[in-house]
Each structure stands twice: as structure tokens, then as C-alpha cells.
């Protein structure tokens, strides 16, 4: 039976049995944990914490993030972002290799071959 499964992106034309699979998948669980790791402590901190919110977060299995250390998580995120930026810039700065000069070596038969010499690093 095909119906409209209502997920996070609106109505999708998918079989009804797809809904529970998507909702309960490991990747969705991990996504929710990363998302709510930030949202739950912020909502508690700014006072948007009541019985309906607590029940919703309990039903989603993310209530445990309420007492999370958001400052420490954000510091970890910043460190990870800086590490990724450094790796990315190291890769960008190492490519393409620059040519320092061409050396000519005798080839077999007639003519010679030019062989480029690469710089060690920029």
C-alpha cells in the first residue's frame, strides 16, 4: 500500500512501511543526538522547559542531553573545525606541485627528454 508518509521534509510519496524504518534508523538516531545535544540544554537554560517539552524529549530519547555541558561541546566543535581547516589548507597549499626547473637527459634514439623537477613544498 502506498500512502503519503509525513516525515521531517513534508509529505513523501512512499510506502507506509518506510516511515518506521526511516524514523528508527541508526543514521536518524545519530542525527537526532547531534541535533538535540545542542537544542535541549539551550531550551532548558533559557527557561522554555515545561512538562510538554520534557515529555517530547523523553519520547524522542534525547532528555539525557538536558544536563549536558554546552560550553564544552561548543569548544570541542571549535577545536574540530580548526583541525579540519588546517588539514584543508595543508592540502590546498600542497597542490599542485610547483615546477622548479626542467632538466634535460639524453634519450634513446634521436632527441632528448625533458624531466621536470618538483619543489619539495611551497
PDB file of N, CA and C in Angstrom:
ATOM      1  N   UNK A   1       0.841  -1.184   0.000  1.00  0.00           N
ATOM      2  CA  UNK A   1       0.000   0.000   0.000  1.00  0.00           C
ATOM      3  C   UNK A   1       0.879   1.238   0.000  1.00  0.00           C
ATOM      4  N   UNK A   2       0.623   2.167  -0.893  1.00  0.00           N
ATOM      5  CA  UNK A   2       1.390   3.397  -0.956  1.00  0.00           C
ATOM      6  C   UNK A   2       0.560   4.532  -0.392  1.00  0.00           C
ATOM      7  N   UNK A   3       1.152   5.317   0.460  1.00  0.00           N
ATOM      8  CA  UNK A   3       0.473   6.465   1.045  1.00  0.00           C
ATOM      9  C   UNK A   3       1.433   7.628   1.098  1.00  0.00           C
ATOM     10  N   UNK A   4       1.031   8.657   1.805  1.00  0.00           N
ATOM     11  CA  UNK A   4       1.915   9.798   1.996  1.00  0.00           C
ATOM     12  C   UNK A   4       2.485   9.705   3.396  1.00  0.00           C
ATOM     13  N   UNK A   5       3.755   9.391   3.480  1.00  0.00           N
ATOM     14  CA  UNK A   5       4.400   9.316   4.781  1.00  0.00           C
ATOM     15  C   UNK A   5       4.875  10.701   5.149  1.00  0.00           C
ATOM     16  N   UNK A   6       4.476  11.201   6.316  1.00  0.00           N
ATOM     17  CA  UNK A   6       4.877  12.540   6.754  1.00  0.00           C
ATOM     18  C   UNK A   6       6.138  12.409   7.588  1.00  0.00           C
ATOM     19  N   UNK A   7       7.216  12.896   7.018  1.00  0.00           N
ATOM     20  CA  UNK A   7       8.483  12.907   7.723  1.00  0.00           C
ATOM     21  C   UNK A   7       8.911  14.344   7.941  1.00  0.00           C
ATOM     22  N   UNK A   8      10.164  14.546   8.255  1.00  0.00           N
ATOM     23  CA  UNK A   8      10.680  15.877   8.516  1.00  0.00           C
ATOM     24  C   UNK A   8      10.654  16.799   7.310  1.00  0.00           C
ATOM     25  N   UNK A   9      10.531  16.263   6.109  1.00  0.00           N
ATOM     26  CA  UNK A   9      10.543  17.099   4.916  1.00  0.00           C
ATOM     27  C   UNK A   9       9.166  17.249   4.285  1.00  0.00           C
ATOM     28  N   UNK A  10       8.103  16.906   4.999  1.00  0.00           N
ATOM     29  CA  UNK A  10       6.766  17.021   4.446  1.00  0.00           C
ATOM     30  C   UNK A  10       6.288  15.692   3.902  1.00  0.00           C
ATOM     31  N   UNK A  11       5.215  15.750   3.139  1.00  0.00           N
ATOM     32  CA  UNK A  11       4.619  14.528   2.601  1.00  0.00           C
ATOM     33  C   UNK A  11       5.480  13.971   1.482  1.00  0.00           C
ATOM     34  N   UNK A  12       5.786  12.686   1.587  1.00  0.00           N
ATOM     35  CA  UNK A  12       6.542  11.990   0.562  1.00  0.00           C
ATOM     36  C   UNK A  12       5.678  10.861   0.027  1.00  0.00           C
ATOM     37  N   UNK A  13       5.775  10.591  -1.232  1.00  0.00           N
ATOM     38  CA  UNK A  13       5.002   9.520  -1.830  1.00  0.00           C
ATOM     39  C   UNK A  13       5.778   8.211  -1.687  1.00  0.00           C
ATOM     40  N   UNK A  14       5.749   7.655  -0.476  1.00  0.00           N
ATOM     41  CA  UNK A  14       6.471   6.425  -0.164  1.00  0.00           C
ATOM     42  C   UNK A  14       5.524   5.433   0.488  1.00  0.00           C
ATOM     43  N   UNK A  15       5.841   4.148   0.408  1.00  0.00           N
ATOM     44  CA  UNK A  15       5.012   3.156   1.107  1.00  0.00           C
ATOM     45  C   UNK A  15       4.978   3.436   2.611  1.00  0.00           C
ATOM     46  N   UNK A  16       3.848   3.151   3.225  1.00  0.00           N
ATOM     47  CA  UNK A  16       3.670   3.432   4.653  1.00  0.00           C
ATOM     48  C   UNK A  16       4.710   2.749   5.531  1.00  0.00           C
ATOM     49  N   UNK A  17       5.192   1.566   5.120  1.00  0.00           N
ATOM     50  CA  UNK A  17       6.157   0.849   5.959  1.00  0.00           C
ATOM     51  C   UNK A  17       7.536   1.500   5.980  1.00  0.00           C
ATOM     52  N   UNK A  18       7.773   2.477   5.117  1.00  0.00           N
ATOM     53  CA  UNK A  18       9.060   3.169   5.088  1.00  0.00           C
ATOM     54  C   UNK A  18       9.209   4.097   6.293  1.00  0.00           C
ATOM     55  N   UNK A  19       8.107   4.667   6.756  1.00  0.00           N
ATOM     56  CA  UNK A  19       8.142   5.626   7.863  1.00  0.00           C
ATOM     57  C   UNK A  19       8.883   5.130   9.088  1.00  0.00           C
ATOM     58  N   UNK A  20       8.473   3.993   9.648  1.00  0.00           N
ATOM     59  CA  UNK A  20       9.171   3.492  10.836  1.00  0.00           C
ATOM     60  C   UNK A  20      10.649   3.177  10.566  1.00  0.00           C
ATOM     61  N   UNK A  21      10.934   2.669   9.372  1.00  0.00           N
ATOM     62  CA  UNK A  21      12.329   2.364   9.043  1.00  0.00           C
ATOM     63  C   UNK A  21      13.185   3.632   9.078  1.00  0.00           C
ATOM     64  N   UNK A  22      12.698   4.690   8.444  1.00  0.00           N
ATOM     65  CA  UNK A  22      13.444   5.952   8.422  1.00  0.00           C
ATOM     66  C   UNK A  22      13.519   6.553   9.815  1.00  0.00           C
ATOM     67  N   UNK A  23      12.390   6.600  10.496  1.00  0.00           N
ATOM     68  CA  UNK A  23      12.329   7.215  11.823  1.00  0.00           C
ATOM     69  C   UNK A  23      13.232   6.509  12.830  1.00  0.00           C
ATOM     70  N   UNK A  24      13.306   5.173  12.741  1.00  0.00           N
ATOM     71  CA  UNK A  24      14.043   4.397  13.736  1.00  0.00           C
ATOM     72  C   UNK A  24      15.432   3.967  13.279  1.00  0.00           C
ATOM     73  N   UNK A  25      15.883   4.455  12.136  1.00  0.00           N
ATOM     74  CA  UNK A  25      17.185   4.028  11.611  1.00  0.00           C
ATOM     75  C   UNK A  25      18.333   4.562  12.471  1.00  0.00           C
ATOM     76  N   UNK A  26      19.447   3.884  12.386  1.00  0.00           N
ATOM     77  CA  UNK A  26      20.645   4.289  13.145  1.00  0.00           C
ATOM     78  C   UNK A  26      21.101   5.679  12.725  1.00  0.00           C
ATOM     79  N   UNK A  27      21.088   5.964  11.435  1.00  0.00           N
ATOM     80  CA  UNK A  27      21.544   7.286  10.985  1.00  0.00           C
ATOM     81  C   UNK A  27      20.625   8.383  11.509  1.00  0.00           C
ATOM     82  N   UNK A  28      19.330   8.138  11.573  1.00  0.00           N
ATOM     83  CA  UNK A  28      18.398   9.129  12.112  1.00  0.00           C
ATOM     84  C   UNK A  28      18.624   9.316  13.606  1.00  0.00           C
ATOM     85  N   UNK A  29      18.907   8.231  14.314  1.00  0.00           N
ATOM     86  CA  UNK A  29      19.176   8.320  15.757  1.00  0.00           C
ATOM     87  C   UNK A  29      20.427   9.160  16.022  1.00  0.00           C
ATOM     88  N   UNK A  30      21.464   8.929  15.242  1.00  0.00           N
ATOM     89  CA  UNK A  30      22.703   9.697  15.400  1.00  0.00           C
ATOM     90  C   UNK A  30      22.460  11.171  15.067  1.00  0.00           C
ATOM     91  N   UNK A  31      21.728  11.427  13.980  1.00  0.00           N
ATOM     92  CA  UNK A  31      21.408  12.804  13.603  1.00  0.00           C
ATOM     93  C   UNK A  31      20.664  13.513  14.735  1.00  0.00           C
ATOM     94  N   UNK A  32      19.642  12.850  15.281  1.00  0.00           N
ATOM     95  CA  UNK A  32      18.884  13.474  16.373  1.00  0.00           C
ATOM     96  C   UNK A  32      19.764  13.736  17.584  1.00  0.00           C
ATOM     97  N   UNK A  33      20.671  12.809  17.870  1.00  0.00           N
ATOM     98  CA  UNK A  33      21.511  13.026  19.048  1.00  0.00           C
ATOM     99  C   UNK A  33      22.418  14.239  18.856  1.00  0.00           C
ATOM    100  N   UNK A  34      23.002  14.404  17.658  1.00  0.00           N
ATOM    101  CA  UNK A  34      23.826  15.584  17.413  1.00  0.00           C
ATOM    102  C   UNK A  34      22.996  16.860  17.459  1.00  0.00           C
ATOM    103  N   UNK A  35      21.826  16.813  16.876  1.00  0.00           N
ATOM    104  CA  UNK A  35      20.960  17.983  16.845  1.00  0.00           C
ATOM    105  C   UNK A  35      20.518  18.378  18.254  1.00  0.00           C
ATOM    106  N   UNK A  36      19.986  17.413  18.987  1.00  0.00           N
ATOM    107  CA  UNK A  36      19.421  17.721  20.296  1.00  0.00           C
ATOM    108  C   UNK A  36      20.481  17.884  21.372  1.00  0.00           C
ATOM    109  N   UNK A  37      21.710  17.475  21.105  1.00  0.00           N
ATOM    110  CA  UNK A  37      22.806  17.704  22.036  1.00  0.00           C
ATOM    111  C   UNK A  37      22.954  19.215  22.295  1.00  0.00           C
ATOM    112  N   UNK A  38      22.602  20.028  21.289  1.00  0.00           N
ATOM    113  CA  UNK A  38      22.692  21.478  21.411  1.00  0.00           C
ATOM    114  C   UNK A  38      21.366  22.101  21.832  1.00  0.00           C
ATOM    115  N   UNK A  39      20.284  21.613  21.247  1.00  0.00           N
ATOM    116  CA  UNK A  39      18.979  22.237  21.465  1.00  0.00           C
ATOM    117  C   UNK A  39      18.467  22.046  22.884  1.00  0.00           C
ATOM    118  N   UNK A  40      18.555  20.836  23.406  1.00  0.00           N
ATOM    119  CA  UNK A  40      17.967  20.530  24.717  1.00  0.00           C
ATOM    120  C   UNK A  40      18.547  21.399  25.823  1.00  0.00           C
ATOM    121  N   UNK A  41      19.872  21.497  25.993  1.00  0.00           N
ATOM    122  CA  UNK A  41      20.377  22.338  27.081  1.00  0.00           C
ATOM    123  C   UNK A  41      20.064  23.819  26.886  1.00  0.00           C
ATOM    124  N   UNK A  42      19.990  24.271  25.635  1.00  0.00           N
ATOM    125  CA  UNK A  42      19.670  25.685  25.391  1.00  0.00           C
ATOM    126  C   UNK A  42      18.235  25.976  25.815  1.00  0.00           C
ATOM    127  N   UNK A  43      17.297  25.121  25.436  1.00  0.00           N
ATOM    128  CA  UNK A  43      15.905  25.340  25.820  1.00  0.00           C
ATOM    129  C   UNK A  43      15.738  25.334  27.335  1.00  0.00           C
ATOM    130  N   UNK A  44      16.459  24.452  28.000  1.00  0.00           N
ATOM    131  CA  UNK A  44      16.390  24.416  29.468  1.00  0.00           C
ATOM    132  C   UNK A  44      16.988  25.689  30.055  1.00  0.00           C
ATOM    133  N   UNK A  45      18.112  26.116  29.503  1.00  0.00           N
ATOM    134  CA  UNK A  45      18.814  27.295  30.016  1.00  0.00           C
ATOM    135  C   UNK A  45      17.999  28.576  29.860  1.00  0.00           C
ATOM    136  N   UNK A  46      17.273  28.709  28.758  1.00  0.00           N
ATOM    137  CA  UNK A  46      16.524  29.955  28.533  1.00  0.00           C
ATOM    138  C   UNK A  46      15.108  29.898  29.107  1.00  0.00           C
ATOM    139  N   UNK A  47      14.776  28.818  29.794  1.00  0.00           N
ATOM    140  CA  UNK A  47      13.509  28.749  30.515  1.00  0.00           C
ATOM    141  C   UNK A  47      12.336  28.209  29.726  1.00  0.00           C
ATOM    142  N   UNK A  48      12.566  27.625  28.579  1.00  0.00           N
ATOM    143  CA  UNK A  48      11.478  27.030  27.796  1.00  0.00           C
ATOM    144  C   UNK A  48      11.356  25.547  28.144  1.00  0.00           C
ATOM    145  N   UNK A  49      11.243  25.282  29.430  1.00  0.00           N
ATOM    146  CA  UNK A  49      11.276  23.923  29.938  1.00  0.00           C
ATOM    147  C   UNK A  49       9.996  23.676  30.713  1.00  0.00           C
ATOM    148  N   UNK A  50       9.144  22.847  30.182  1.00  0.00           N
ATOM    149  CA  UNK A  50       7.886  22.531  30.852  1.00  0.00           C
ATOM    150  C   UNK A  50       7.549  21.077  30.633  1.00  0.00           C
ATOM    151  N   UNK A  51       6.399  20.664  31.155  1.00  0.00           N
ATOM    152  CA  UNK A  51       6.015  19.255  31.062  1.00  0.00           C
ATOM    153  C   UNK A  51       5.887  18.750  29.615  1.00  0.00           C
ATOM    154  N   UNK A  52       5.355  19.569  28.714  1.00  0.00           N
ATOM    155  CA  UNK A  52       5.207  19.133  27.321  1.00  0.00           C
ATOM    156  C   UNK A  52       6.566  18.931  26.657  1.00  0.00           C
ATOM    157  N   UNK A  53       7.508  19.844  26.906  1.00  0.00           N
ATOM    158  CA  UNK A  53       8.859  19.728  26.333  1.00  0.00           C
ATOM    159  C   UNK A  53       9.549  18.498  26.907  1.00  0.00           C
ATOM    160  N   UNK A  54       9.451  18.326  28.217  1.00  0.00           N
ATOM    161  CA  UNK A  54      10.092  17.173  28.865  1.00  0.00           C
ATOM    162  C   UNK A  54       9.525  15.872  28.303  1.00  0.00           C
ATOM    163  N   UNK A  55       8.195  15.796  28.129  1.00  0.00           N
ATOM    164  CA  UNK A  55       7.584  14.583  27.577  1.00  0.00           C
ATOM    165  C   UNK A  55       8.052  14.347  26.139  1.00  0.00           C
ATOM    166  N   UNK A  56       8.069  15.395  25.333  1.00  0.00           N
ATOM    167  CA  UNK A  56       8.501  15.242  23.938  1.00  0.00           C
ATOM    168  C   UNK A  56       9.944  14.760  23.864  1.00  0.00           C
ATOM    169  N   UNK A  57      10.824  15.362  24.665  1.00  0.00           N
ATOM    170  CA  UNK A  57      12.231  14.954  24.650  1.00  0.00           C
ATOM    171  C   UNK A  57      12.399  13.544  25.207  1.00  0.00           C
ATOM    172  N   UNK A  58      11.580  13.168  26.183  1.00  0.00           N
ATOM    173  CA  UNK A  58      11.620  11.807  26.715  1.00  0.00           C
ATOM    174  C   UNK A  58      11.194  10.817  25.641  1.00  0.00           C
ATOM    175  N   UNK A  59      10.104  11.136  24.938  1.00  0.00           N
ATOM    176  CA  UNK A  59       9.611  10.256  23.868  1.00  0.00           C
ATOM    177  C   UNK A  59      10.644  10.100  22.756  1.00  0.00           C
ATOM    178  N   UNK A  60      11.407  11.143  22.475  1.00  0.00           N
ATOM    179  CA  UNK A  60      12.428  11.078  21.418  1.00  0.00           C
ATOM    180  C   UNK A  60      13.728  10.452  21.909  1.00  0.00           C
ATOM    181  N   UNK A  61      13.845  10.272  23.230  1.00  0.00           N
ATOM    182  CA  UNK A  61      15.063   9.670  23.775  1.00  0.00           C
ATOM    183  C   UNK A  61      16.235  10.630  23.855  1.00  0.00           C
ATOM    184  N   UNK A  62      15.944  11.924  23.964  1.00  0.00           N
ATOM    185  CA  UNK A  62      17.030  12.912  24.000  1.00  0.00           C
ATOM    186  C   UNK A  62      17.039  13.721  25.296  1.00  0.00           C
ATOM    187  N   UNK A  63      16.213  13.343  26.265  1.00  0.00           N
ATOM    188  CA  UNK A  63      16.141  14.093  27.520  1.00  0.00           C
ATOM    189  C   UNK A  63      17.481  14.094  28.261  1.00  0.00           C
ATOM    190  N   UNK A  64      18.293  13.068  28.066  1.00  0.00           N
ATOM    191  CA  UNK A  64      19.588  12.980  28.736  1.00  0.00           C
ATOM    192  C   UNK A  64      20.523  14.132  28.404  1.00  0.00           C
ATOM    193  N   UNK A  65      20.256  14.854  27.314  1.00  0.00           N
ATOM    194  CA  UNK A  65      21.109  15.993  26.947  1.00  0.00           C
ATOM    195  C   UNK A  65      20.790  17.247  27.754  1.00  0.00           C
ATOM    196  N   UNK A  66      19.745  17.217  28.566  1.00  0.00           N
ATOM    197  CA  UNK A  66      19.329  18.405  29.317  1.00  0.00           C
ATOM    198  C   UNK A  66      20.428  18.922  30.233  1.00  0.00           C
ATOM    199  N   UNK A  67      21.210  18.041  30.783  1.00  0.00           N
ATOM    200  CA  UNK A  67      22.260  18.451  31.712  1.00  0.00           C
ATOM    201  C   UNK A  67      23.635  18.460  31.055  1.00  0.00           C
ATOM    202  N   UNK A  68      23.649  18.472  29.733  1.00  0.00           N
ATOM    203  CA  UNK A  68      24.915  18.482  29.002  1.00  0.00           C
ATOM    204  C   UNK A  68      25.662  19.796  29.171  1.00  0.00           C
ATOM    205  N   UNK A  69      26.960  19.742  29.012  1.00  0.00           N
ATOM    206  CA  UNK A  69      27.812  20.923  29.113  1.00  0.00           C
ATOM    207  C   UNK A  69      27.971  21.523  27.720  1.00  0.00           C
ATOM    208  N   UNK A  70      27.080  22.461  27.403  1.00  0.00           N
ATOM    209  CA  UNK A  70      27.053  23.053  26.070  1.00  0.00           C
ATOM    210  C   UNK A  70      28.342  23.805  25.767  1.00  0.00           C
ATOM    211  N   UNK A  71      28.901  24.495  26.750  1.00  0.00           N
ATOM    212  CA  UNK A  71      30.157  25.224  26.518  1.00  0.00           C
ATOM    213  C   UNK A  71      31.291  24.277  26.129  1.00  0.00           C
ATOM    214  N   UNK A  72      31.370  23.134  26.799  1.00  0.00           N
ATOM    215  CA  UNK A  72      32.413  22.163  26.470  1.00  0.00           C
ATOM    216  C   UNK A  72      32.185  21.587  25.076  1.00  0.00           C
ATOM    217  N   UNK A  73      30.940  21.296  24.728  1.00  0.00           N
ATOM    218  CA  UNK A  73      30.638  20.770  23.397  1.00  0.00           C
ATOM    219  C   UNK A  73      31.001  21.787  22.313  1.00  0.00           C
ATOM    220  N   UNK A  74      30.678  23.039  22.552  1.00  0.00           N
ATOM    221  CA  UNK A  74      30.999  24.074  21.567  1.00  0.00           C
ATOM    222  C   UNK A  74      32.512  24.261  21.446  1.00  0.00           C
ATOM    223  N   UNK A  75      33.233  24.143  22.551  1.00  0.00           N
ATOM    224  CA  UNK A  75      34.696  24.226  22.499  1.00  0.00           C
ATOM    225  C   UNK A  75      35.266  23.050  21.704  1.00  0.00           C
ATOM    226  N   UNK A  76      34.711  21.859  21.899  1.00  0.00           N
ATOM    227  CA  UNK A  76      35.144  20.692  21.115  1.00  0.00           C
ATOM    228  C   UNK A  76      34.862  20.894  19.632  1.00  0.00           C
ATOM    229  N   UNK A  77      33.691  21.455  19.326  1.00  0.00           N
ATOM    230  CA  UNK A  77      33.342  21.728  17.920  1.00  0.00           C
ATOM    231  C   UNK A  77      34.335  22.710  17.299  1.00  0.00           C
ATOM    232  N   UNK A  78      34.681  23.735  18.045  1.00  0.00           N
ATOM    233  CA  UNK A  78      35.609  24.745  17.532  1.00  0.00           C
ATOM    234  C   UNK A  78      36.987  24.135  17.271  1.00  0.00           C
ATOM    235  N   UNK A  79      37.446  23.302  18.186  1.00  0.00           N
ATOM    236  CA  UNK A  79      38.736  22.634  18.003  1.00  0.00           C
ATOM    237  C   UNK A  79      38.707  21.719  16.781  1.00  0.00           C
ATOM    238  N   UNK A  80      37.623  20.962  16.633  1.00  0.00           N
ATOM    239  CA  UNK A  80      37.495  20.073  15.467  1.00  0.00           C
ATOM    240  C   UNK A  80      37.465  20.883  14.177  1.00  0.00           C
ATOM    241  N   UNK A  81      36.762  22.003  14.176  1.00  0.00           N
ATOM    242  CA  UNK A  81      36.695  22.847  12.973  1.00  0.00           C
ATOM    243  C   UNK A  81      38.063  23.420  12.633  1.00  0.00           C
ATOM    244  N   UNK A  82      38.807  23.847  13.633  1.00  0.00           N
ATOM    245  CA  UNK A  82      40.152  24.378  13.388  1.00  0.00           C
ATOM    246  C   UNK A  82      41.074  23.293  12.829  1.00  0.00           C
ATOM    247  N   UNK A  83      40.971  22.076  13.372  1.00  0.00           N
ATOM    248  CA  UNK A  83      41.782  20.959  12.869  1.00  0.00           C
ATOM    249  C   UNK A  83      41.443  20.654  11.410  1.00  0.00           C
ATOM    250  N   UNK A  84      40.149  20.635  11.089  1.00  0.00           N
ATOM    251  CA  UNK A  84      39.738  20.386   9.703  1.00  0.00           C
ATOM    252  C   UNK A  84      40.209  21.504   8.776  1.00  0.00           C
ATOM    253  N   UNK A  85      40.120  22.756   9.237  1.00  0.00           N
ATOM    254  CA  UNK A  85      40.601  23.878   8.425  1.00  0.00           C
ATOM    255  C   UNK A  85      42.093  23.762   8.152  1.00  0.00           C
ATOM    256  N   UNK A  86      42.860  23.367   9.166  1.00  0.00           N
ATOM    257  CA  UNK A  86      44.307  23.221   8.983  1.00  0.00           C
ATOM    258  C   UNK A  86      44.614  22.121   7.967  1.00  0.00           C
ATOM    259  N   UNK A  87      43.932  20.970   8.096  1.00  0.00           N
ATOM    260  CA  UNK A  87      44.135  19.882   7.138  1.00  0.00           C
ATOM    261  C   UNK A  87      43.771  20.329   5.720  1.00  0.00           C
ATOM    262  N   UNK A  88      42.673  21.044   5.602  1.00  0.00           N
ATOM    263  CA  UNK A  88      42.232  21.511   4.291  1.00  0.00           C
ATOM    264  C   UNK A  88      43.247  22.476   3.697  1.00  0.00           C
ATOM    265  N   UNK A  89      43.738  23.405   4.488  1.00  0.00           N
ATOM    266  CA  UNK A  89      44.711  24.377   3.988  1.00  0.00           C
ATOM    267  C   UNK A  89      46.039  23.703   3.666  1.00  0.00           C
ATOM    268  N   UNK A  90      46.453  22.741   4.458  1.00  0.00           N
ATOM    269  CA  UNK A  90      47.673  21.995   4.147  1.00  0.00           C
ATOM    270  C   UNK A  90      47.536  21.297   2.794  1.00  0.00           C
ATOM    271  N   UNK A  91      46.371  20.720   2.550  1.00  0.00           N
ATOM    272  CA  UNK A  91      46.133  20.049   1.271  1.00  0.00           C
ATOM    273  C   UNK A  91      46.131  21.066   0.120  1.00  0.00           C
ATOM    274  N   UNK A  92      45.451  22.177   0.313  1.00  0.00           N
ATOM    275  CA  UNK A  92      45.393  23.213  -0.730  1.00  0.00           C
ATOM    276  C   UNK A  92      46.781  23.756  -1.022  1.00  0.00           C
ATOM    277  N   UNK A  93      47.554  24.010   0.009  1.00  0.00           N
ATOM    278  CA  UNK A  93      48.889  24.580  -0.178  1.00  0.00           C
ATOM    279  C   UNK A  93      49.885  23.589  -0.763  1.00  0.00           C
ATOM    280  N   UNK A  94      49.559  22.302  -0.704  1.00  0.00           N
ATOM    281  CA  UNK A  94      50.495  21.316  -1.246  1.00  0.00           C
ATOM    282  C   UNK A  94      50.176  20.944  -2.697  1.00  0.00           C
ATOM    283  N   UNK A  95      49.121  21.505  -3.258  1.00  0.00           N
ATOM    284  CA  UNK A  95      48.726  21.120  -4.606  1.00  0.00           C
ATOM    285  C   UNK A  95      48.395  22.343  -5.432  1.00  0.00           C
ATOM    286  N   UNK A  96      48.721  22.447  -6.669  1.00  0.00           N
ATOM    287  CA  UNK A  96      49.515  21.485  -7.413  1.00  0.00           C
ATOM    288  C   UNK A  96      50.991  21.686  -7.108  1.00  0.00           C
ATOM    289  N   UNK A  97      51.789  20.648  -7.268  1.00  0.00           N
ATOM    290  CA  UNK A  97      53.224  20.813  -7.033  1.00  0.00           C
ATOM    291  C   UNK A  97      53.800  21.802  -8.039  1.00  0.00           C
ATOM    292  N   UNK A  98      54.677  22.628  -7.568  1.00  0.00           N
ATOM    293  CA  UNK A  98      55.303  23.618  -8.457  1.00  0.00           C
ATOM    294  C   UNK A  98      56.527  23.020  -9.132  1.00  0.00           C
ATOM    295  N   UNK A  99      56.779  23.475 -10.339  1.00  0.00           N
ATOM    296  CA  UNK A  99      57.962  23.024 -11.061  1.00  0.00           C
ATOM    297  C   UNK A  99      59.092  24.030 -10.822  1.00  0.00           C
ATOM    298  N   UNK A 100      60.233  23.523 -10.412  1.00  0.00           N
ATOM    299  CA  UNK A 100      61.384  24.392 -10.155  1.00  0.00           C
ATOM    300  C   UNK A 100      62.144  24.638 -11.459  1.00  0.00           C
ATOM    301  N   UNK A 101      62.420  23.597 -12.184  1.00  0.00           N
ATOM    302  CA  UNK A 101      63.169  23.706 -13.427  1.00  0.00           C
ATOM    303  C   UNK A 101      63.006  22.410 -14.195  1.00  0.00           C
ATOM    304  N   UNK A 102      63.405  22.385 -15.416  1.00  0.00           N
ATOM    305  CA  UNK A 102      63.408  21.159 -16.219  1.00  0.00           C
ATOM    306  C   UNK A 102      64.851  20.762 -16.458  1.00  0.00           C
ATOM    307  N   UNK A 103      65.121  19.505 -16.250  1.00  0.00           N
ATOM    308  CA  UNK A 103      66.456  19.005 -16.564  1.00  0.00           C
ATOM    309  C   UNK A 103      66.352  18.145 -17.812  1.00  0.00           C
ATOM    310  N   UNK A 104      67.309  18.281 -18.683  1.00  0.00           N
ATOM    311  CA  UNK A 104      67.301  17.535 -19.934  1.00  0.00           C
ATOM    312  C   UNK A 104      68.258  16.373 -19.796  1.00  0.00           C
ATOM    313  N   UNK A 105      67.743  15.181 -20.086  1.00  0.00           N
ATOM    314  CA  UNK A 105      68.578  13.979 -20.044  1.00  0.00           C
ATOM    315  C   UNK A 105      68.565  13.351 -21.425  1.00  0.00           C
ATOM    316  N   UNK A 106      69.678  12.759 -21.814  1.00  0.00           N
ATOM    317  CA  UNK A 106      69.732  12.121 -23.129  1.00  0.00           C
ATOM    318  C   UNK A 106      68.704  11.004 -23.222  1.00  0.00           C
ATOM    319  N   UNK A 107      67.997  10.912 -24.320  1.00  0.00           N
ATOM    320  CA  UNK A 107      67.005   9.869 -24.539  1.00  0.00           C
ATOM    321  C   UNK A 107      67.547   8.817 -25.479  1.00  0.00           C
ATOM    322  N   UNK A 108      66.798   7.784 -25.639  1.00  0.00           N
ATOM    323  CA  UNK A 108      67.232   6.752 -26.578  1.00  0.00           C
ATOM    324  C   UNK A 108      66.802   7.172 -27.979  1.00  0.00           C
ATOM    325  N   UNK A 109      67.561   6.868 -28.936  1.00  0.00           N
ATOM    326  CA  UNK A 109      67.261   7.275 -30.300  1.00  0.00           C
ATOM    327  C   UNK A 109      67.610   8.737 -30.493  1.00  0.00           C
ATOM    328  N   UNK A 110      66.819   9.409 -31.296  1.00  0.00           N
ATOM    329  CA  UNK A 110      67.143  10.811 -31.559  1.00  0.00           C
ATOM    330  C   UNK A 110      66.383  11.715 -30.596  1.00  0.00           C
ATOM    331  N   UNK A 111      66.973  12.784 -30.195  1.00  0.00           N
ATOM    332  CA  UNK A 111      66.338  13.772 -29.332  1.00  0.00           C
ATOM    333  C   UNK A 111      66.642  13.551 -27.865  1.00  0.00           C
ATOM    334  N   UNK A 112      66.081  14.398 -27.051  1.00  0.00           N
ATOM    335  CA  UNK A 112      66.285  14.326 -25.608  1.00  0.00           C
ATOM    336  C   UNK A 112      64.928  14.479 -24.934  1.00  0.00           C
ATOM    337  N   UNK A 113      64.838  14.040 -23.682  1.00  0.00           N
ATOM    338  CA  UNK A 113      63.591  14.179 -22.916  1.00  0.00           C
ATOM    339  C   UNK A 113      63.786  15.200 -21.814  1.00  0.00           C
ATOM    340  N   UNK A 114      62.779  16.025 -21.622  1.00  0.00           N
ATOM    341  CA  UNK A 114      62.803  16.993 -20.500  1.00  0.00           C
ATOM    342  C   UNK A 114      62.080  16.365 -19.322  1.00  0.00           C
ATOM    343  N   UNK A 115      62.709  16.398 -18.173  1.00  0.00           N
ATOM    344  CA  UNK A 115      62.118  15.819 -16.968  1.00  0.00           C
ATOM    345  C   UNK A 115      61.950  16.936 -15.932  1.00  0.00           C
ATOM    346  N   UNK A 116      60.707  17.242 -15.542  1.00  0.00           N
ATOM    347  CA  UNK A 116      60.521  18.317 -14.568  1.00  0.00           C
ATOM    348  C   UNK A 116      60.986  17.890 -13.173  1.00  0.00           C
ATOM    349  N   UNK A 117      61.548  18.849 -12.462  1.00  0.00           N
ATOM    350  CA  UNK A 117      61.942  18.614 -11.073  1.00  0.00           C
ATOM    351  C   UNK A 117      60.948  19.350 -10.195  1.00  0.00           C
ATOM    352  N   UNK A 118      60.399  18.683  -9.182  1.00  0.00           N
ATOM    353  CA  UNK A 118      59.395  19.289  -8.314  1.00  0.00           C
ATOM    354  C   UNK A 118      60.026  19.930  -7.089  1.00  0.00           C
ATOM    355  N   UNK A 119      59.394  21.003  -6.650  1.00  0.00           N
ATOM    356  CA  UNK A 119      59.806  21.611  -5.382  1.00  0.00           C
ATOM    357  C   UNK A 119      59.336  20.721  -4.240  1.00  0.00           C
ATOM    358  N   UNK A 120      60.033  20.766  -3.149  1.00  0.00           N
ATOM    359  CA  UNK A 120      59.655  19.944  -2.004  1.00  0.00           C
ATOM    360  C   UNK A 120      58.313  20.403  -1.439  1.00  0.00           C
ATOM    361  N   UNK A 121      58.134  21.704  -1.258  1.00  0.00           N
ATOM    362  CA  UNK A 121      56.867  22.253  -0.759  1.00  0.00           C
ATOM    363  C   UNK A 121      56.883  23.753  -1.031  1.00  0.00           C
ATOM    364  N   UNK A 122      55.702  24.347  -1.106  1.00  0.00           N
ATOM    365  CA  UNK A 122      55.640  25.795  -1.382  1.00  0.00           C
ATOM    366  C   UNK A 122      56.170  26.627  -0.239  1.00  0.00           C
TER     367      UNK A 122
END
